[in-house]
Amino acid sequence: MIIEGLHEKDIYTETYPFRIELNTFDNFDWPLHWHHAAELVYPVENDYRATVNGLEYTMCEKDILFIAGGDIHSFHTRNNKGNRFFIQFEISTLDVFGQSHQLTPFLSMTKFISAKEDPLLHTELEKNIIALINEYQHRALGYTLYLNARIFDILVLLSRSVCNNISAEISSSSNKKFHILEKLNLAFQYIEEQYQNDISLKDV
């Protein structure tokens, strides 16, 4: 992995756009950065602290933080022995059915899911996260299909939760923001793929 400016690149170690990292450092600082991948942070031992778009999240054991692709975030821990899973995946390239764009407006914002404050959603998300971790560790035949299925289970749960919590009044203005962010993400992706060529603003 490398960070150019704030953009973190080369986060995957294989062709399949999915990565799980178990972090166990007592002292760990990862500077402000962003990437196209969506990210799930899941501490399974002791609390953990993350900053996303200037907001600080203190996560207790088993809390879940969904970081939307493109959001600027960092991680910090001092004298805190624990285990935290980082799960990263590309929503667009994992979509074998071409339907993920329907969920994009609801997945463009970071979401914190607490076991205490939202136990039903947390239970369902945690079940799928544990399944992801176990499957990725064993990598049996067809494991990428299994991972795809669990990721979409997670995305549907998150999307429905956001949709249910947005009032009709807020939804109208928020959808405009979501669609703008979606277009910007496509523009950034195009620039990243074509930066070596002579491209114009019109092309972007």
C-alpha atoms as a PDB file:
ATOM      1  CA  MET A   1       0.000   0.000   0.000  1.00  0.00           C
ATOM      2  CA  ILE A   2       1.187   3.498  -0.798  1.00  0.00           C
ATOM      3  CA  ILE A   3      -0.278   6.949  -0.095  1.00  0.00           C
ATOM      4  CA  GLU A   4       0.121   9.672  -2.726  1.00  0.00           C
ATOM      5  CA  GLY A   5      -1.156  12.930  -1.322  1.00  0.00           C
ATOM      6  CA  LEU A   6      -4.107  11.548   0.608  1.00  0.00           C
ATOM      7  CA  HIS A   7      -4.945   8.799  -1.881  1.00  0.00           C
ATOM      8  CA  GLU A   8      -4.132   5.284  -0.680  1.00  0.00           C
ATOM      9  CA  LYS A   9      -3.389   2.916  -3.568  1.00  0.00           C
ATOM     10  CA  ASP A  10      -2.466  -0.734  -4.146  1.00  0.00           C
ATOM     11  CA  ILE A  11      -4.453  -1.976  -1.165  1.00  0.00           C
ATOM     12  CA  TYR A  12      -5.156  -5.401  -2.667  1.00  0.00           C
ATOM     13  CA  THR A  13      -2.636  -8.231  -2.733  1.00  0.00           C
ATOM     14  CA  GLU A  14      -4.538 -10.351  -5.269  1.00  0.00           C
ATOM     15  CA  THR A  15      -6.684  -9.803  -8.353  1.00  0.00           C
ATOM     16  CA  TYR A  16      -9.909 -10.218  -6.404  1.00  0.00           C
ATOM     17  CA  PRO A  17     -10.756  -6.723  -5.041  1.00  0.00           C
ATOM     18  CA  PHE A  18     -11.139  -7.744  -1.414  1.00  0.00           C
ATOM     19  CA  ARG A  19      -8.842  -7.496   1.596  1.00  0.00           C
ATOM     20  CA  ILE A  20      -8.988  -8.416   5.286  1.00  0.00           C
ATOM     21  CA  GLU A  21      -6.299  -7.186   7.662  1.00  0.00           C
ATOM     22  CA  LEU A  22      -6.049  -8.073  11.352  1.00  0.00           C
ATOM     23  CA  ASN A  23      -4.360  -5.279  13.301  1.00  0.00           C
ATOM     24  CA  THR A  24      -2.877  -6.121  16.716  1.00  0.00           C
ATOM     25  CA  PHE A  25      -0.469  -3.215  17.309  1.00  0.00           C
ATOM     26  CA  ASP A  26      -0.507  -1.571  20.746  1.00  0.00           C
ATOM     27  CA  ASN A  27       0.568   1.697  19.114  1.00  0.00           C
ATOM     28  CA  PHE A  28      -0.718   2.334  15.617  1.00  0.00           C
ATOM     29  CA  ASP A  29      -1.121   5.517  13.600  1.00  0.00           C
ATOM     30  CA  TRP A  30      -2.347   5.507  10.007  1.00  0.00           C
ATOM     31  CA  PRO A  31      -2.468   9.054   8.625  1.00  0.00           C
ATOM     32  CA  LEU A  32      -5.352  10.790   6.885  1.00  0.00           C
ATOM     33  CA  HIS A  33      -6.100   9.079   3.596  1.00  0.00           C
ATOM     34  CA  TRP A  34      -8.911   8.005   1.261  1.00  0.00           C
ATOM     35  CA  HIS A  35      -9.476   5.230  -1.257  1.00  0.00           C
ATOM     36  CA  HIS A  36     -12.179   4.099  -3.646  1.00  0.00           C
ATOM     37  CA  ALA A  37     -12.798   0.977  -1.598  1.00  0.00           C
ATOM     38  CA  ALA A  38     -15.465   0.834   1.062  1.00  0.00           C
ATOM     39  CA  GLU A  39     -14.160  -0.268   4.447  1.00  0.00           C
ATOM     40  CA  LEU A  40     -15.530  -2.030   7.522  1.00  0.00           C
ATOM     41  CA  VAL A  41     -13.720  -1.639  10.846  1.00  0.00           C
ATOM     42  CA  TYR A  42     -14.538  -4.300  13.426  1.00  0.00           C
ATOM     43  CA  PRO A  43     -12.628  -4.348  16.760  1.00  0.00           C
ATOM     44  CA  VAL A  44     -13.029  -7.698  18.492  1.00  0.00           C
ATOM     45  CA  GLU A  45     -10.833  -6.969  21.518  1.00  0.00           C
ATOM     46  CA  ASN A  46     -10.730  -3.620  23.368  1.00  0.00           C
ATOM     47  CA  ASP A  47     -11.877  -0.277  22.034  1.00  0.00           C
ATOM     48  CA  TYR A  48     -10.518   1.578  19.016  1.00  0.00           C
ATOM     49  CA  ARG A  49     -10.502   5.116  17.669  1.00  0.00           C
ATOM     50  CA  ALA A  50     -11.032   6.348  14.121  1.00  0.00           C
ATOM     51  CA  THR A  51     -11.480   9.784  12.575  1.00  0.00           C
ATOM     52  CA  VAL A  52     -13.623  10.149   9.448  1.00  0.00           C
ATOM     53  CA  ASN A  53     -14.222  13.480   7.699  1.00  0.00           C
ATOM     54  CA  GLY A  54     -13.141  15.295  10.858  1.00  0.00           C
ATOM     55  CA  LEU A  55     -15.458  13.342  13.179  1.00  0.00           C
ATOM     56  CA  GLU A  56     -13.953  11.064  15.816  1.00  0.00           C
ATOM     57  CA  TYR A  57     -15.473   7.655  16.533  1.00  0.00           C
ATOM     58  CA  THR A  58     -14.607   5.730  19.690  1.00  0.00           C
ATOM     59  CA  MET A  59     -15.542   2.127  19.060  1.00  0.00           C
ATOM     60  CA  CYS A  60     -16.185  -0.369  21.829  1.00  0.00           C
ATOM     61  CA  GLU A  61     -15.588  -4.092  21.343  1.00  0.00           C
ATOM     62  CA  LYS A  62     -17.673  -5.521  18.487  1.00  0.00           C
ATOM     63  CA  ASP A  63     -18.921  -2.114  17.311  1.00  0.00           C
ATOM     64  CA  ILE A  64     -18.874  -1.696  13.517  1.00  0.00           C
ATOM     65  CA  LEU A  65     -17.808   1.298  11.450  1.00  0.00           C
ATOM     66  CA  PHE A  66     -18.667   1.434   7.731  1.00  0.00           C
ATOM     67  CA  ILE A  67     -16.434   3.957   5.944  1.00  0.00           C
ATOM     68  CA  ALA A  68     -17.750   4.991   2.542  1.00  0.00           C
ATOM     69  CA  GLY A  69     -15.403   5.022  -0.423  1.00  0.00           C
ATOM     70  CA  GLY A  70     -13.854   8.470  -0.840  1.00  0.00           C
ATOM     71  CA  ASP A  71     -14.249   9.528   2.806  1.00  0.00           C
ATOM     72  CA  ILE A  72     -11.039  10.834   4.397  1.00  0.00           C
ATOM     73  CA  HIS A  73     -10.108   8.894   7.513  1.00  0.00           C
ATOM     74  CA  SER A  74      -7.313   7.957   9.885  1.00  0.00           C
ATOM     75  CA  PHE A  75      -6.679   5.539  12.757  1.00  0.00           C
ATOM     76  CA  HIS A  76      -4.909   6.083  16.068  1.00  0.00           C
ATOM     77  CA  THR A  77      -4.224   3.917  19.098  1.00  0.00           C
ATOM     78  CA  ARG A  78      -1.801   4.271  22.017  1.00  0.00           C
ATOM     79  CA  ASN A  79      -1.016   1.634  24.659  1.00  0.00           C
ATOM     80  CA  ASN A  80      -4.114  -0.262  23.623  1.00  0.00           C
ATOM     81  CA  LYS A  81      -3.576  -3.962  23.101  1.00  0.00           C
ATOM     82  CA  GLY A  82      -6.344  -5.399  20.971  1.00  0.00           C
ATOM     83  CA  ASN A  83      -7.513  -7.044  17.749  1.00  0.00           C
ATOM     84  CA  ARG A  84      -9.225  -5.074  14.980  1.00  0.00           C
ATOM     85  CA  PHE A  85     -10.284  -6.300  11.587  1.00  0.00           C
ATOM     86  CA  PHE A  86     -10.159  -4.000   8.556  1.00  0.00           C
ATOM     87  CA  ILE A  87     -12.227  -5.256   5.613  1.00  0.00           C
ATOM     88  CA  GLN A  88     -11.939  -3.440   2.271  1.00  0.00           C
ATOM     89  CA  PHE A  89     -13.814  -4.105  -0.955  1.00  0.00           C
ATOM     90  CA  GLU A  90     -14.763  -2.401  -4.228  1.00  0.00           C
ATOM     91  CA  ILE A  91     -18.525  -2.203  -4.551  1.00  0.00           C
ATOM     92  CA  SER A  92     -18.554  -1.530  -8.304  1.00  0.00           C
ATOM     93  CA  THR A  93     -16.190  -4.324  -9.354  1.00  0.00           C
ATOM     94  CA  LEU A  94     -17.798  -6.876  -7.049  1.00  0.00           C
ATOM     95  CA  ASP A  95     -21.175  -6.335  -8.712  1.00  0.00           C
ATOM     96  CA  VAL A  96     -21.663  -9.332 -10.996  1.00  0.00           C
ATOM     97  CA  PHE A  97     -25.331  -8.482 -11.579  1.00  0.00           C
ATOM     98  CA  GLY A  98     -24.989  -4.789 -12.419  1.00  0.00           C
ATOM     99  CA  GLN A  99     -27.403  -3.689  -9.712  1.00  0.00           C
ATOM    100  CA  SER A 100     -25.149  -2.086  -7.084  1.00  0.00           C
ATOM    101  CA  HIS A 101     -25.805   1.416  -8.492  1.00  0.00           C
ATOM    102  CA  GLN A 102     -29.253   1.236  -6.886  1.00  0.00           C
ATOM    103  CA  LEU A 103     -27.593   1.088  -3.468  1.00  0.00           C
ATOM    104  CA  THR A 104     -24.964   3.769  -4.131  1.00  0.00           C
ATOM    105  CA  PRO A 105     -26.999   6.740  -2.820  1.00  0.00           C
ATOM    106  CA  PHE A 106     -27.374   4.998   0.531  1.00  0.00           C
ATOM    107  CA  LEU A 107     -23.739   3.894   0.772  1.00  0.00           C
ATOM    108  CA  SER A 108     -22.124   7.292   0.223  1.00  0.00           C
ATOM    109  CA  MET A 109     -21.933   8.164   3.903  1.00  0.00           C
ATOM    110  CA  THR A 110     -19.960   6.674   6.775  1.00  0.00           C
ATOM    111  CA  LYS A 111     -22.126   4.872   9.320  1.00  0.00           C
ATOM    112  CA  PHE A 112     -21.355   3.813  12.915  1.00  0.00           C
ATOM    113  CA  ILE A 113     -23.282   0.789  14.185  1.00  0.00           C
ATOM    114  CA  SER A 114     -23.252   0.254  17.938  1.00  0.00           C
ATOM    115  CA  ALA A 115     -24.253  -3.031  19.541  1.00  0.00           C
ATOM    116  CA  LYS A 116     -25.984  -1.056  22.290  1.00  0.00           C
ATOM    117  CA  GLU A 117     -27.816   1.524  20.177  1.00  0.00           C
ATOM    118  CA  ASP A 118     -28.862  -0.622  17.212  1.00  0.00           C
ATOM    119  CA  PRO A 119     -28.742  -4.255  18.374  1.00  0.00           C
ATOM    120  CA  LEU A 120     -30.854  -5.755  15.559  1.00  0.00           C
ATOM    121  CA  LEU A 121     -28.832  -4.226  12.723  1.00  0.00           C
ATOM    122  CA  HIS A 122     -25.589  -4.925  14.561  1.00  0.00           C
ATOM    123  CA  THR A 123     -26.436  -8.597  15.061  1.00  0.00           C
ATOM    124  CA  GLU A 124     -27.150  -9.140  11.361  1.00  0.00           C
ATOM    125  CA  LEU A 125     -24.073  -7.223  10.225  1.00  0.00           C
ATOM    126  CA  GLU A 126     -21.794  -8.987  12.691  1.00  0.00           C
ATOM    127  CA  LYS A 127     -23.047 -12.389  11.537  1.00  0.00           C
ATOM    128  CA  ASN A 128     -22.054 -11.578   7.954  1.00  0.00           C
ATOM    129  CA  ILE A 129     -18.723 -10.027   8.956  1.00  0.00           C
ATOM    130  CA  ILE A 130     -17.752 -13.147  10.918  1.00  0.00           C
ATOM    131  CA  ALA A 131     -18.764 -15.271   7.932  1.00  0.00           C
ATOM    132  CA  LEU A 132     -16.539 -13.124   5.667  1.00  0.00           C
ATOM    133  CA  ILE A 133     -13.568 -13.508   7.980  1.00  0.00           C
ATOM    134  CA  ASN A 134     -13.960 -17.284   8.309  1.00  0.00           C
ATOM    135  CA  GLU A 135     -14.453 -17.832   4.585  1.00  0.00           C
ATOM    136  CA  TYR A 136     -11.494 -15.635   3.642  1.00  0.00           C
ATOM    137  CA  GLN A 137      -9.233 -17.539   6.023  1.00  0.00           C
ATOM    138  CA  HIS A 138     -10.145 -20.949   4.560  1.00  0.00           C
ATOM    139  CA  ARG A 139     -10.650 -19.945   0.895  1.00  0.00           C
ATOM    140  CA  ALA A 140     -12.487 -23.092  -0.128  1.00  0.00           C
ATOM    141  CA  LEU A 141     -13.755 -23.719  -3.661  1.00  0.00           C
ATOM    142  CA  GLY A 142     -15.903 -20.808  -4.839  1.00  0.00           C
ATOM    143  CA  TYR A 143     -14.937 -18.604  -1.893  1.00  0.00           C
ATOM    144  CA  THR A 144     -15.081 -15.405  -3.957  1.00  0.00           C
ATOM    145  CA  LEU A 145     -18.740 -16.074  -4.791  1.00  0.00           C
ATOM    146  CA  TYR A 146     -19.432 -16.634  -1.107  1.00  0.00           C
ATOM    147  CA  LEU A 147     -17.662 -13.374  -0.204  1.00  0.00           C
ATOM    148  CA  ASN A 148     -19.677 -11.528  -2.851  1.00  0.00           C
ATOM    149  CA  ALA A 149     -22.905 -12.853  -1.377  1.00  0.00           C
ATOM    150  CA  ARG A 150     -22.014 -11.805   2.183  1.00  0.00           C
ATOM    151  CA  ILE A 151     -20.859  -8.363   1.034  1.00  0.00           C
ATOM    152  CA  PHE A 152     -24.164  -7.766  -0.716  1.00  0.00           C
ATOM    153  CA  ASP A 153     -26.011  -8.939   2.383  1.00  0.00           C
ATOM    154  CA  ILE A 154     -24.080  -6.290   4.314  1.00  0.00           C
ATOM    155  CA  LEU A 155     -24.715  -3.573   1.718  1.00  0.00           C
ATOM    156  CA  VAL A 156     -28.444  -4.304   1.631  1.00  0.00           C
ATOM    157  CA  LEU A 157     -28.656  -4.168   5.441  1.00  0.00           C
ATOM    158  CA  LEU A 158     -26.815  -0.840   5.549  1.00  0.00           C
ATOM    159  CA  SER A 159     -28.821   0.652   2.689  1.00  0.00           C
ATOM    160  CA  ARG A 160     -32.178  -0.298   4.188  1.00  0.00           C
ATOM    161  CA  SER A 161     -31.116   1.067   7.558  1.00  0.00           C
ATOM    162  CA  VAL A 162     -30.160   4.426   6.053  1.00  0.00           C
ATOM    163  CA  CYS A 163     -33.312   4.515   3.927  1.00  0.00           C
ATOM    164  CA  ASN A 164     -35.530   3.825   6.924  1.00  0.00           C
ATOM    165  CA  ASN A 165     -33.892   6.567   8.980  1.00  0.00           C
ATOM    166  CA  ILE A 166     -34.085   9.322   6.383  1.00  0.00           C
ATOM    167  CA  SER A 167     -37.218  11.445   6.461  1.00  0.00           C
ATOM    168  CA  ALA A 168     -38.901  12.409   3.207  1.00  0.00           C
ATOM    169  CA  GLU A 169     -37.777  16.027   3.609  1.00  0.00           C
ATOM    170  CA  ILE A 170     -34.130  15.161   4.187  1.00  0.00           C
ATOM    171  CA  SER A 171     -34.192  12.454   1.548  1.00  0.00           C
ATOM    172  CA  SER A 172     -34.785  14.894  -1.301  1.00  0.00           C
ATOM    173  CA  SER A 173     -31.744  17.067  -0.574  1.00  0.00           C
ATOM    174  CA  SER A 174     -29.575  14.113   0.439  1.00  0.00           C
ATOM    175  CA  ASN A 175     -30.233  12.255  -2.809  1.00  0.00           C
ATOM    176  CA  LYS A 176     -28.879  15.235  -4.755  1.00  0.00           C
ATOM    177  CA  LYS A 177     -25.692  15.070  -2.702  1.00  0.00           C
ATOM    178  CA  PHE A 178     -25.449  11.303  -3.175  1.00  0.00           C
ATOM    179  CA  HIS A 179     -25.829  11.568  -6.954  1.00  0.00           C
ATOM    180  CA  ILE A 180     -23.194  14.309  -7.110  1.00  0.00           C
ATOM    181  CA  LEU A 181     -20.800  12.154  -5.075  1.00  0.00           C
ATOM    182  CA  GLU A 182     -21.499   9.208  -7.365  1.00  0.00           C
ATOM    183  CA  LYS A 183     -20.592  11.289 -10.438  1.00  0.00           C
ATOM    184  CA  LEU A 184     -17.448  12.594  -8.747  1.00  0.00           C
ATOM    185  CA  ASN A 185     -16.371   9.059  -7.864  1.00  0.00           C
ATOM    186  CA  LEU A 186     -16.734   8.049 -11.515  1.00  0.00           C
ATOM    187  CA  ALA A 187     -14.679  11.080 -12.558  1.00  0.00           C
ATOM    188  CA  PHE A 188     -11.919  10.224 -10.078  1.00  0.00           C
ATOM    189  CA  GLN A 189     -11.912   6.633 -11.282  1.00  0.00           C
ATOM    190  CA  TYR A 190     -11.603   7.756 -14.912  1.00  0.00           C
ATOM    191  CA  ILE A 191      -8.706  10.099 -14.063  1.00  0.00           C
ATOM    192  CA  GLU A 192      -6.896   7.349 -12.183  1.00  0.00           C
ATOM    193  CA  GLU A 193      -7.250   4.951 -15.107  1.00  0.00           C
ATOM    194  CA  GLN A 194      -6.358   7.487 -17.832  1.00  0.00           C
ATOM    195  CA  TYR A 195      -3.904   9.893 -16.183  1.00  0.00           C
ATOM    196  CA  GLN A 196      -1.038   8.685 -18.392  1.00  0.00           C
ATOM    197  CA  ASN A 197      -2.970   9.703 -21.501  1.00  0.00           C
ATOM    198  CA  ASP A 198      -3.780  13.168 -22.848  1.00  0.00           C
ATOM    199  CA  ILE A 199      -7.254  13.704 -21.382  1.00  0.00           C
ATOM    200  CA  SER A 200      -9.304  16.875 -21.281  1.00  0.00           C
ATOM    201  CA  LEU A 201     -11.787  18.275 -18.784  1.00  0.00           C
ATOM    202  CA  LYS A 202     -14.513  17.470 -21.308  1.00  0.00           C
ATOM    203  CA  ASP A 203     -13.426  13.816 -21.315  1.00  0.00           C
ATOM    204  CA  VAL A 204     -13.626  13.693 -17.526  1.00  0.00           C
END
